[in-house]
Amino acid sequence: MQIRELSIPDSYEITPKQFGDDRGVFLEWGRFDRLEESIGHKLDVVQANTSVSKRGSVRGVHFADIPPSQAKYVTATYGAVLDYIIDIRVGSPTFGQWDSVLLDDTDRRAVYIAEGIGHCFVALTDNATVSYLVTAPFNPGREHGINPLDTDIGLVFPPEAGELLLSPKDTDAPGLAESAANGLLPTWADAKAFYAALNEGN
């Protein structure tokens, strides 16, 4: 597989090599020994989640407090989504910027998103099925959101998504500037210190 760092530091696109024959296809959708070489520590998976979404559904922007926050390894097992990785770490050289990766059941890519980075996706097909491996269990008291339509972030949703479907939780979430002003966002310094501690404990 190929592992490529995205324009947002500490996030990666993983593209597997697929082996097909008249029976179908085989691939390794996770090689965490290879991922460890890129991120500097083992991926300690403690929870696995799956979402199934209608076309146009937007989920995110979501993040959790550091520590421990939640690193994510995300792939689409059916259909297609455009996955967004948003740098919300105050003080980061790419703060407020984002990158995106098409996750679908054709190329079968995955993304790795380190702790403290914002995550969002939009479903491009009906029944788009996304599976997430995460490094910390869900803790509602430490989970936060940013409005995915916030103009300070400026996510661009492709026309294939059609009419956007958002939950009240996400549309009621504050924007990036308000979240920063209220001290809700992780800092670049805290994130890098946490990554270093993970690497030292490896």
Protein backbone atom coordinates (compact mmCIF):
# COMPACT_ATOMS: atom_id res chain seq x y z
CA MET A 1 0.00 0.00 0.00
CA GLN A 2 0.98 3.61 -0.46
CA ILE A 3 0.87 6.05 2.48
CA ARG A 4 0.93 9.75 1.65
CA GLU A 5 0.89 12.63 4.12
CA LEU A 6 -1.82 15.15 3.33
CA SER A 7 -1.43 18.93 3.34
CA ILE A 8 -2.69 18.93 6.94
CA PRO A 9 0.22 17.71 9.11
CA ASP A 10 -0.36 14.42 10.95
CA SER A 11 -2.99 13.17 8.52
CA TYR A 12 -2.42 10.55 5.82
CA GLU A 13 -4.06 8.99 2.78
CA ILE A 14 -3.66 5.21 2.53
CA THR A 15 -4.10 3.59 -0.89
CA PRO A 16 -4.12 -0.23 -0.87
CA LYS A 17 -2.95 -2.51 -3.65
CA GLN A 18 -5.89 -4.63 -4.84
CA PHE A 19 -5.63 -8.17 -6.15
CA GLY A 20 -8.53 -9.19 -8.36
CA ASP A 21 -9.51 -12.38 -10.16
CA ASP A 22 -12.70 -13.98 -11.41
CA ARG A 23 -13.86 -14.46 -7.81
CA GLY A 24 -13.57 -10.81 -6.82
CA VAL A 25 -10.89 -8.78 -5.08
CA PHE A 26 -8.61 -8.97 -2.06
CA LEU A 27 -6.80 -6.10 -0.31
CA GLU A 28 -5.20 -5.11 2.96
CA TRP A 29 -7.24 -2.11 4.09
CA GLY A 30 -5.07 -1.67 7.16
CA ARG A 31 -1.35 -2.29 7.66
CA PHE A 32 -0.67 -0.70 11.01
CA ASP A 33 3.00 -1.71 11.02
CA ARG A 34 3.39 0.43 7.90
CA LEU A 35 1.31 3.22 9.39
CA GLU A 36 3.48 3.17 12.50
CA GLU A 37 6.49 3.97 10.34
CA SER A 38 4.75 7.19 9.28
CA ILE A 39 3.15 8.34 12.53
CA GLY A 40 5.82 7.15 14.96
CA HIS A 41 3.71 4.95 17.23
CA LYS A 42 1.31 2.03 17.19
CA LEU A 43 -2.36 2.65 16.52
CA ASP A 44 -4.11 1.55 19.71
CA VAL A 45 -7.61 0.79 18.43
CA VAL A 46 -10.23 0.56 21.18
CA GLN A 47 -13.51 1.12 19.32
CA ALA A 48 -14.89 0.47 15.84
CA ASN A 49 -17.80 2.48 14.42
CA THR A 50 -19.89 2.30 11.25
CA SER A 51 -22.25 4.88 9.76
CA VAL A 52 -24.65 4.45 6.84
CA SER A 53 -25.68 7.70 5.15
CA LYS A 54 -28.07 8.95 2.50
CA ARG A 55 -26.62 10.89 -0.42
CA GLY A 56 -26.00 14.46 0.68
CA SER A 57 -25.62 13.63 4.36
CA VAL A 58 -22.93 15.66 6.10
CA ARG A 59 -21.37 14.33 9.29
CA GLY A 60 -19.07 16.67 11.20
CA VAL A 61 -17.00 18.72 11.78
CA HIS A 62 -16.24 16.66 14.89
CA PHE A 63 -13.30 16.55 17.32
CA ALA A 64 -12.51 15.66 20.93
CA ASP A 65 -10.43 17.22 23.71
CA ILE A 66 -6.73 16.44 24.03
CA PRO A 67 -5.85 14.33 25.92
CA PRO A 68 -6.76 11.74 24.82
CA SER A 69 -8.91 13.00 21.95
CA GLN A 70 -9.40 10.35 19.27
CA ALA A 71 -7.25 9.38 16.31
CA LYS A 72 -9.29 7.89 13.46
CA TYR A 73 -8.64 5.43 10.65
CA VAL A 74 -11.53 5.81 8.21
CA THR A 75 -12.61 3.99 5.05
CA ALA A 76 -15.75 3.57 2.95
CA THR A 77 -16.83 -0.05 2.55
CA TYR A 78 -19.80 0.73 0.30
CA GLY A 79 -20.60 3.72 -1.88
CA ALA A 80 -18.60 6.93 -1.77
CA VAL A 81 -17.94 9.89 0.50
CA LEU A 82 -15.72 12.91 0.27
CA ASP A 83 -13.77 12.98 3.51
CA TYR A 84 -12.51 16.30 4.92
CA ILE A 85 -9.57 16.74 7.28
CA ILE A 86 -9.65 20.16 8.96
CA ASP A 87 -6.80 21.64 10.99
CA ILE A 88 -8.41 23.17 14.07
CA ARG A 89 -5.25 23.14 16.23
CA VAL A 90 -4.71 26.74 17.32
CA GLY A 91 -1.17 27.77 16.44
CA SER A 92 -0.73 25.18 13.69
CA PRO A 93 0.90 26.48 10.49
CA THR A 94 -2.17 25.19 8.63
CA PHE A 95 -4.81 26.30 11.17
CA GLY A 96 -8.20 26.72 9.51
CA GLN A 97 -7.14 24.89 6.36
CA TRP A 98 -8.45 21.57 5.09
CA ASP A 99 -7.70 18.74 2.72
CA SER A 100 -10.00 16.07 1.30
CA VAL A 101 -9.84 12.48 0.09
CA LEU A 102 -12.40 10.51 -1.92
CA LEU A 103 -13.22 7.31 -0.04
CA ASP A 104 -15.15 4.78 -2.09
CA ASP A 105 -15.60 1.09 -2.84
CA THR A 106 -13.55 1.35 -6.04
CA ASP A 107 -10.12 2.59 -4.95
CA ARG A 108 -10.81 1.62 -1.32
CA ARG A 109 -8.59 4.29 0.18
CA ALA A 110 -8.48 5.09 3.88
CA VAL A 111 -7.42 8.15 5.83
CA TYR A 112 -5.61 8.42 9.14
CA ILE A 113 -6.46 11.52 11.18
CA ALA A 114 -4.42 12.28 14.29
CA GLU A 115 -5.84 13.43 17.61
CA GLY A 116 -7.04 17.03 17.70
CA ILE A 117 -7.81 17.33 13.98
CA GLY A 118 -11.36 18.04 12.82
CA HIS A 119 -13.16 15.43 10.71
CA CYS A 120 -16.16 15.64 8.40
CA PHE A 121 -17.53 13.89 5.35
CA VAL A 122 -20.35 14.21 2.84
CA ALA A 123 -22.02 11.16 1.28
CA LEU A 124 -21.90 11.12 -2.51
CA THR A 125 -24.12 8.02 -2.86
CA ASP A 126 -27.07 6.52 -1.03
CA ASN A 127 -26.21 3.98 1.67
CA ALA A 128 -22.63 5.25 1.82
CA THR A 129 -21.10 3.05 4.51
CA VAL A 130 -18.12 4.37 6.45
CA SER A 131 -16.14 2.41 9.02
CA TYR A 132 -13.94 4.10 11.61
CA LEU A 133 -11.31 2.61 13.89
CA VAL A 134 -10.66 4.97 16.80
CA THR A 135 -8.12 5.15 19.62
CA ALA A 136 -10.42 6.24 22.46
CA PRO A 137 -13.99 5.36 23.36
CA PHE A 138 -16.76 7.86 22.73
CA ASN A 139 -16.98 10.35 25.60
CA PRO A 140 -19.84 12.82 25.09
CA GLY A 141 -18.45 15.24 27.67
CA ARG A 142 -15.27 15.68 25.65
CA GLU A 143 -16.77 15.68 22.14
CA HIS A 144 -17.30 18.91 20.22
CA GLY A 145 -18.43 20.13 16.82
CA ILE A 146 -17.92 22.99 14.42
CA ASN A 147 -20.58 24.00 11.91
CA PRO A 148 -19.57 22.36 8.61
CA LEU A 149 -21.02 25.33 6.70
CA ASP A 150 -18.79 27.81 8.54
CA THR A 151 -17.42 30.27 5.97
CA ASP A 152 -14.14 30.68 7.87
CA ILE A 153 -13.37 27.05 7.01
CA GLY A 154 -15.04 27.13 3.61
CA LEU A 155 -15.54 23.46 2.89
CA VAL A 156 -16.43 22.92 -0.76
CA PHE A 157 -19.12 20.29 -1.26
CA PRO A 158 -19.14 18.66 -4.72
CA PRO A 159 -22.25 18.73 -6.92
CA GLU A 160 -22.45 14.91 -6.74
CA ALA A 161 -23.61 15.30 -3.14
CA GLY A 162 -26.86 16.96 -4.21
CA GLU A 163 -28.94 18.62 -1.52
CA LEU A 164 -27.07 18.65 1.78
CA LEU A 165 -28.62 16.94 4.81
CA LEU A 166 -27.30 18.10 8.20
CA SER A 167 -28.26 17.28 11.76
CA PRO A 168 -29.40 20.06 14.12
CA LYS A 169 -26.39 19.19 16.28
CA ASP A 170 -24.04 20.15 13.46
CA THR A 171 -25.93 23.21 12.20
CA ASP A 172 -26.24 24.52 15.78
CA ALA A 173 -22.51 24.08 16.40
CA PRO A 174 -20.37 27.22 16.62
CA GLY A 175 -18.02 28.34 13.87
CA LEU A 176 -14.25 28.12 13.98
CA ALA A 177 -13.67 31.66 15.26
CA GLU A 178 -16.28 31.33 18.02
CA SER A 179 -14.86 27.96 19.05
CA ALA A 180 -11.36 29.44 19.24
CA ALA A 181 -12.55 32.48 21.20
CA ASN A 182 -14.30 30.23 23.72
CA GLY A 183 -11.22 28.06 24.21
CA LEU A 184 -12.87 24.93 22.81
CA LEU A 185 -10.18 24.07 20.27
CA PRO A 186 -7.04 22.01 20.84
CA THR A 187 -3.73 23.82 20.51
CA TRP A 188 -0.87 22.92 18.21
CA ALA A 189 1.48 22.78 21.21
CA ASP A 190 -0.76 20.40 23.17
CA ALA A 191 -1.29 18.20 20.13
CA LYS A 192 2.42 17.94 19.34
CA ALA A 193 3.22 17.22 22.99
CA PHE A 194 0.63 14.45 23.01
CA TYR A 195 2.00 12.91 19.80
CA ALA A 196 5.52 13.03 21.25
CA ALA A 197 4.33 11.24 24.39
CA LEU A 198 2.74 8.52 22.25
CA ASN A 199 5.97 8.14 20.28
CA GLU A 200 8.07 7.93 23.46
CA GLY A 201 5.77 5.28 24.88
CA ASN A 202 5.97 3.19 21.73
